[in-house]
C-alpha atoms as a PDB file:
ATOM      1  CA  MET A   1     -30.214 227.966-121.135  1.00  0.00           C
ATOM      2  CA  LEU A   2     -31.274 224.730-122.824  1.00  0.00           C
ATOM      3  CA  GLU A   3     -28.473 222.809-121.097  1.00  0.00           C
ATOM      4  CA  SER A   4     -29.410 224.356-117.779  1.00  0.00           C
ATOM      5  CA  ALA A   5     -33.078 223.359-118.131  1.00  0.00           C
ATOM      6  CA  PHE A   6     -32.066 219.837-119.162  1.00  0.00           C
ATOM      7  CA  TYR A   7     -29.668 219.557-116.216  1.00  0.00           C
ATOM      8  CA  GLN A   8     -32.310 220.821-113.775  1.00  0.00           C
ATOM      9  CA  ARG A   9     -34.905 218.337-115.052  1.00  0.00           C
ATOM     10  CA  ARG A  10     -32.424 215.466-114.833  1.00  0.00           C
ATOM     11  CA  HIS A  11     -31.452 216.571-111.315  1.00  0.00           C
ATOM     12  CA  ASP A  12     -35.140 216.727-110.265  1.00  0.00           C
ATOM     13  CA  MET A  13     -35.794 213.216-111.616  1.00  0.00           C
ATOM     14  CA  LYS A  14     -32.754 211.856-109.782  1.00  0.00           C
ATOM     15  CA  PHE A  15     -33.927 213.488-106.541  1.00  0.00           C
ATOM     16  CA  LEU A  16     -37.444 212.078-107.012  1.00  0.00           C
ATOM     17  CA  PHE A  17     -36.067 208.593-107.655  1.00  0.00           C
ATOM     18  CA  LEU A  18     -33.786 208.651-104.599  1.00  0.00           C
ATOM     19  CA  THR A  19     -36.534 210.023-102.359  1.00  0.00           C
ATOM     20  CA  SER A  20     -38.955 207.337-103.558  1.00  0.00           C
ATOM     21  CA  ALA A  21     -36.362 204.623-102.972  1.00  0.00           C
ATOM     22  CA  ALA A  22     -35.750 205.881 -99.424  1.00  0.00           C
ATOM     23  CA  VAL A  23     -39.481 205.898 -98.626  1.00  0.00           C
ATOM     24  CA  ILE A  24     -39.921 202.371 -99.973  1.00  0.00           C
ATOM     25  CA  ALA A  25     -36.902 201.110 -98.013  1.00  0.00           C
ATOM     26  CA  ALA A  26     -38.210 202.679 -94.799  1.00  0.00           C
ATOM     27  CA  THR A  27     -41.611 201.073 -95.344  1.00  0.00           C
ATOM     28  CA  VAL A  28     -40.093 197.642 -95.934  1.00  0.00           C
ATOM     29  CA  LEU A  29     -37.818 197.890 -92.898  1.00  0.00           C
ATOM     30  CA  THR A  30     -40.707 198.965 -90.692  1.00  0.00           C
ATOM     31  CA  GLY A  31     -42.456 195.694 -91.513  1.00  0.00           C
ATOM     32  CA  CYS A  32     -39.566 193.617 -90.206  1.00  0.00           C
ATOM     33  CA  ALA A  33     -38.829 195.468 -86.984  1.00  0.00           C
ATOM     34  CA  ALA A  34     -38.651 193.252 -83.919  1.00  0.00           C
ATOM     35  CA  PRO A  35     -41.549 193.517 -81.450  1.00  0.00           C
ATOM     36  CA  SER A  36     -41.300 196.228 -78.810  1.00  0.00           C
ATOM     37  CA  SER A  37     -41.740 195.908 -75.058  1.00  0.00           C
ATOM     38  CA  SER A  38     -45.186 197.490 -75.364  1.00  0.00           C
ATOM     39  CA  ALA A  39     -46.252 194.633 -77.656  1.00  0.00           C
ATOM     40  CA  ARG A  40     -45.524 192.266 -74.765  1.00  0.00           C
ATOM     41  CA  ALA A  41     -47.409 194.351 -72.175  1.00  0.00           C
ATOM     42  CA  ALA A  42     -50.703 192.449 -72.484  1.00  0.00           C
ATOM     43  CA  GLY A  43     -48.958 189.149 -71.776  1.00  0.00           C
ATOM     44  CA  PRO A  44     -48.548 186.055 -73.929  1.00  0.00           C
ATOM     45  CA  TYR A  45     -51.391 184.255 -75.700  1.00  0.00           C
ATOM     46  CA  LYS A  46     -49.835 180.954 -74.627  1.00  0.00           C
ATOM     47  CA  VAL A  47     -46.745 179.745 -72.737  1.00  0.00           C
ATOM     48  CA  LEU A  48     -45.139 176.440 -73.714  1.00  0.00           C
ATOM     49  CA  SER A  49     -41.943 174.611 -72.750  1.00  0.00           C
ATOM     50  CA  SER A  50     -39.485 172.189 -74.299  1.00  0.00           C
ATOM     51  CA  ALA A  51     -36.476 170.100 -73.327  1.00  0.00           C
ATOM     52  CA  LYS A  52     -34.734 171.156 -76.582  1.00  0.00           C
ATOM     53  CA  GLN A  53     -32.157 173.940 -76.907  1.00  0.00           C
ATOM     54  CA  ASP A  54     -33.616 177.425 -77.446  1.00  0.00           C
ATOM     55  CA  ALA A  55     -31.833 177.902 -80.803  1.00  0.00           C
ATOM     56  CA  ALA A  56     -33.277 174.655 -82.194  1.00  0.00           C
ATOM     57  CA  VAL A  57     -36.812 175.550 -81.066  1.00  0.00           C
ATOM     58  CA  ALA A  58     -36.561 179.094 -82.473  1.00  0.00           C
ATOM     59  CA  GLN A  59     -35.272 177.897 -85.850  1.00  0.00           C
ATOM     60  CA  CYS A  60     -38.002 175.262 -86.042  1.00  0.00           C
ATOM     61  CA  ILE A  61     -40.695 177.880 -85.331  1.00  0.00           C
ATOM     62  CA  GLN A  62     -39.250 180.144 -88.016  1.00  0.00           C
ATOM     63  CA  VAL A  63     -39.280 177.384 -90.639  1.00  0.00           C
ATOM     64  CA  THR A  64     -42.740 176.128 -89.629  1.00  0.00           C
ATOM     65  CA  TRP A  65     -44.287 179.617 -89.756  1.00  0.00           C
ATOM     66  CA  GLN A  66     -42.905 180.059 -93.295  1.00  0.00           C
ATOM     67  CA  ASN A  67     -45.139 177.235 -94.563  1.00  0.00           C
ATOM     68  CA  GLU A  68     -47.241 178.823 -97.333  1.00  0.00           C
ATOM     69  CA  ALA A  69     -49.668 175.896 -97.412  1.00  0.00           C
ATOM     70  CA  MET A  70     -50.518 176.552 -93.775  1.00  0.00           C
ATOM     71  CA  PHE A  71     -50.272 180.341 -93.486  1.00  0.00           C
ATOM     72  CA  GLY A  72     -50.672 181.701 -97.022  1.00  0.00           C
ATOM     73  CA  THR A  73     -48.328 183.816 -99.074  1.00  0.00           C
ATOM     74  CA  SER A  74     -47.623 186.356 -96.320  1.00  0.00           C
ATOM     75  CA  THR A  75     -45.008 184.148 -94.720  1.00  0.00           C
ATOM     76  CA  ASP A  76     -42.051 186.429 -94.019  1.00  0.00           C
ATOM     77  CA  VAL A  77     -40.702 185.279 -90.666  1.00  0.00           C
ATOM     78  CA  PHE A  78     -37.679 186.757 -88.927  1.00  0.00           C
ATOM     79  CA  LEU A  79     -35.394 185.600 -86.117  1.00  0.00           C
ATOM     80  CA  HIS A  80     -33.634 188.082 -83.795  1.00  0.00           C
ATOM     81  CA  ASP A  81     -31.523 187.642 -80.690  1.00  0.00           C
ATOM     82  CA  LEU A  82     -33.111 188.809 -77.447  1.00  0.00           C
ATOM     83  CA  SER A  83     -31.088 190.935 -75.082  1.00  0.00           C
ATOM     84  CA  GLY A  84     -30.283 188.756 -72.107  1.00  0.00           C
ATOM     85  CA  GLY A  85     -30.298 185.570 -74.200  1.00  0.00           C
ATOM     86  CA  GLY A  86     -32.805 183.712 -76.304  1.00  0.00           C
ATOM     87  CA  PHE A  87     -34.563 184.594 -79.530  1.00  0.00           C
ATOM     88  CA  THR A  88     -37.659 186.294 -80.885  1.00  0.00           C
ATOM     89  CA  VAL A  89     -39.340 184.756 -83.911  1.00  0.00           C
ATOM     90  CA  PHE A  90     -41.787 187.161 -85.544  1.00  0.00           C
ATOM     91  CA  THR A  91     -43.861 187.775 -88.640  1.00  0.00           C
ATOM     92  CA  THR A  92     -44.065 190.902 -90.759  1.00  0.00           C
ATOM     93  CA  GLU A  93     -45.325 193.835 -88.691  1.00  0.00           C
ATOM     94  CA  SER A  94     -44.876 191.614 -85.605  1.00  0.00           C
ATOM     95  CA  THR A  95     -48.475 190.430 -85.801  1.00  0.00           C
ATOM     96  CA  TYR A  96     -47.395 187.116 -84.285  1.00  0.00           C
ATOM     97  CA  PHE A  97     -44.223 186.544 -82.331  1.00  0.00           C
ATOM     98  CA  ALA A  98     -42.671 184.072 -79.933  1.00  0.00           C
ATOM     99  CA  ASP A  99     -39.969 184.745 -77.358  1.00  0.00           C
ATOM    100  CA  VAL A 100     -37.838 181.627 -76.948  1.00  0.00           C
ATOM    101  CA  ARG A 101     -35.552 181.504 -73.899  1.00  0.00           C
ATOM    102  CA  GLY A 102     -33.491 178.758 -72.335  1.00  0.00           C
ATOM    103  CA  LYS A 103     -34.212 178.450 -68.605  1.00  0.00           C
ATOM    104  CA  GLY A 104     -31.985 175.829 -67.043  1.00  0.00           C
ATOM    105  CA  PRO A 105     -32.639 172.442 -68.636  1.00  0.00           C
ATOM    106  CA  THR A 106     -35.822 173.653 -70.372  1.00  0.00           C
ATOM    107  CA  THR A 107     -36.742 176.213 -73.002  1.00  0.00           C
ATOM    108  CA  ALA A 108     -39.722 178.502 -72.435  1.00  0.00           C
ATOM    109  CA  VAL A 109     -41.746 179.787 -75.394  1.00  0.00           C
ATOM    110  CA  GLU A 110     -44.025 182.781 -74.867  1.00  0.00           C
ATOM    111  CA  PHE A 111     -46.314 183.144 -77.884  1.00  0.00           C
ATOM    112  CA  TYR A 112     -47.987 186.506 -78.548  1.00  0.00           C
ATOM    113  CA  ALA A 113     -50.952 186.985 -80.886  1.00  0.00           C
ATOM    114  CA  PRO A 114     -53.855 189.420 -81.240  1.00  0.00           C
ATOM    115  CA  GLN A 115     -56.846 188.492 -79.061  1.00  0.00           C
ATOM    116  CA  GLY A 116     -59.556 186.619 -80.971  1.00  0.00           C
ATOM    117  CA  ASP A 117     -57.320 186.106 -84.008  1.00  0.00           C
ATOM    118  CA  ALA A 118     -58.266 183.210 -86.280  1.00  0.00           C
ATOM    119  CA  GLN A 119     -54.650 182.161 -87.000  1.00  0.00           C
ATOM    120  CA  ALA A 120     -53.478 182.245 -83.386  1.00  0.00           C
ATOM    121  CA  ALA A 121     -54.496 178.643 -82.654  1.00  0.00           C
ATOM    122  CA  LEU A 122     -52.896 177.406 -85.881  1.00  0.00           C
ATOM    123  CA  ARG A 123     -49.620 179.204 -85.161  1.00  0.00           C
ATOM    124  CA  SER A 124     -49.684 177.904 -81.583  1.00  0.00           C
ATOM    125  CA  ALA A 125     -50.136 174.353 -82.895  1.00  0.00           C
ATOM    126  CA  ALA A 126     -47.203 174.908 -85.257  1.00  0.00           C
ATOM    127  CA  ILE A 127     -45.063 175.920 -82.264  1.00  0.00           C
ATOM    128  CA  ALA A 128     -46.123 172.734 -80.443  1.00  0.00           C
ATOM    129  CA  THR A 129     -44.627 170.619 -83.255  1.00  0.00           C
ATOM    130  CA  CYS A 130     -41.219 172.166 -82.458  1.00  0.00           C
ATOM    131  CA  LEU A 131     -41.175 171.312 -78.751  1.00  0.00           C
END
């Protein structure tokens, strides 16, 4: 009986630990999910263009947006391939994101940000340094 109670308690603790780990992992992964089509529905905050290759522009935006001095400690920035070519650079929870696509000899950058957001202009200026 004593062994059975000990085993059950140990089993319950293991289950609790694994369940907690799964919930935490799901929460973390939700924060780094690429933006959905519905996030693009309202249209971009700003559209810019460059003569540089799309990969170079996207990588530059990613590095620039990770600047803690400019954007604070919440600087997780991700880079994903777009279906049909190009890249999406986005922050945690996809608050800010930029679709970077090569179009002939130029690269188009569509920058999305919440309307009236204080950091939108700063992030847009950071993109401009990569063009």
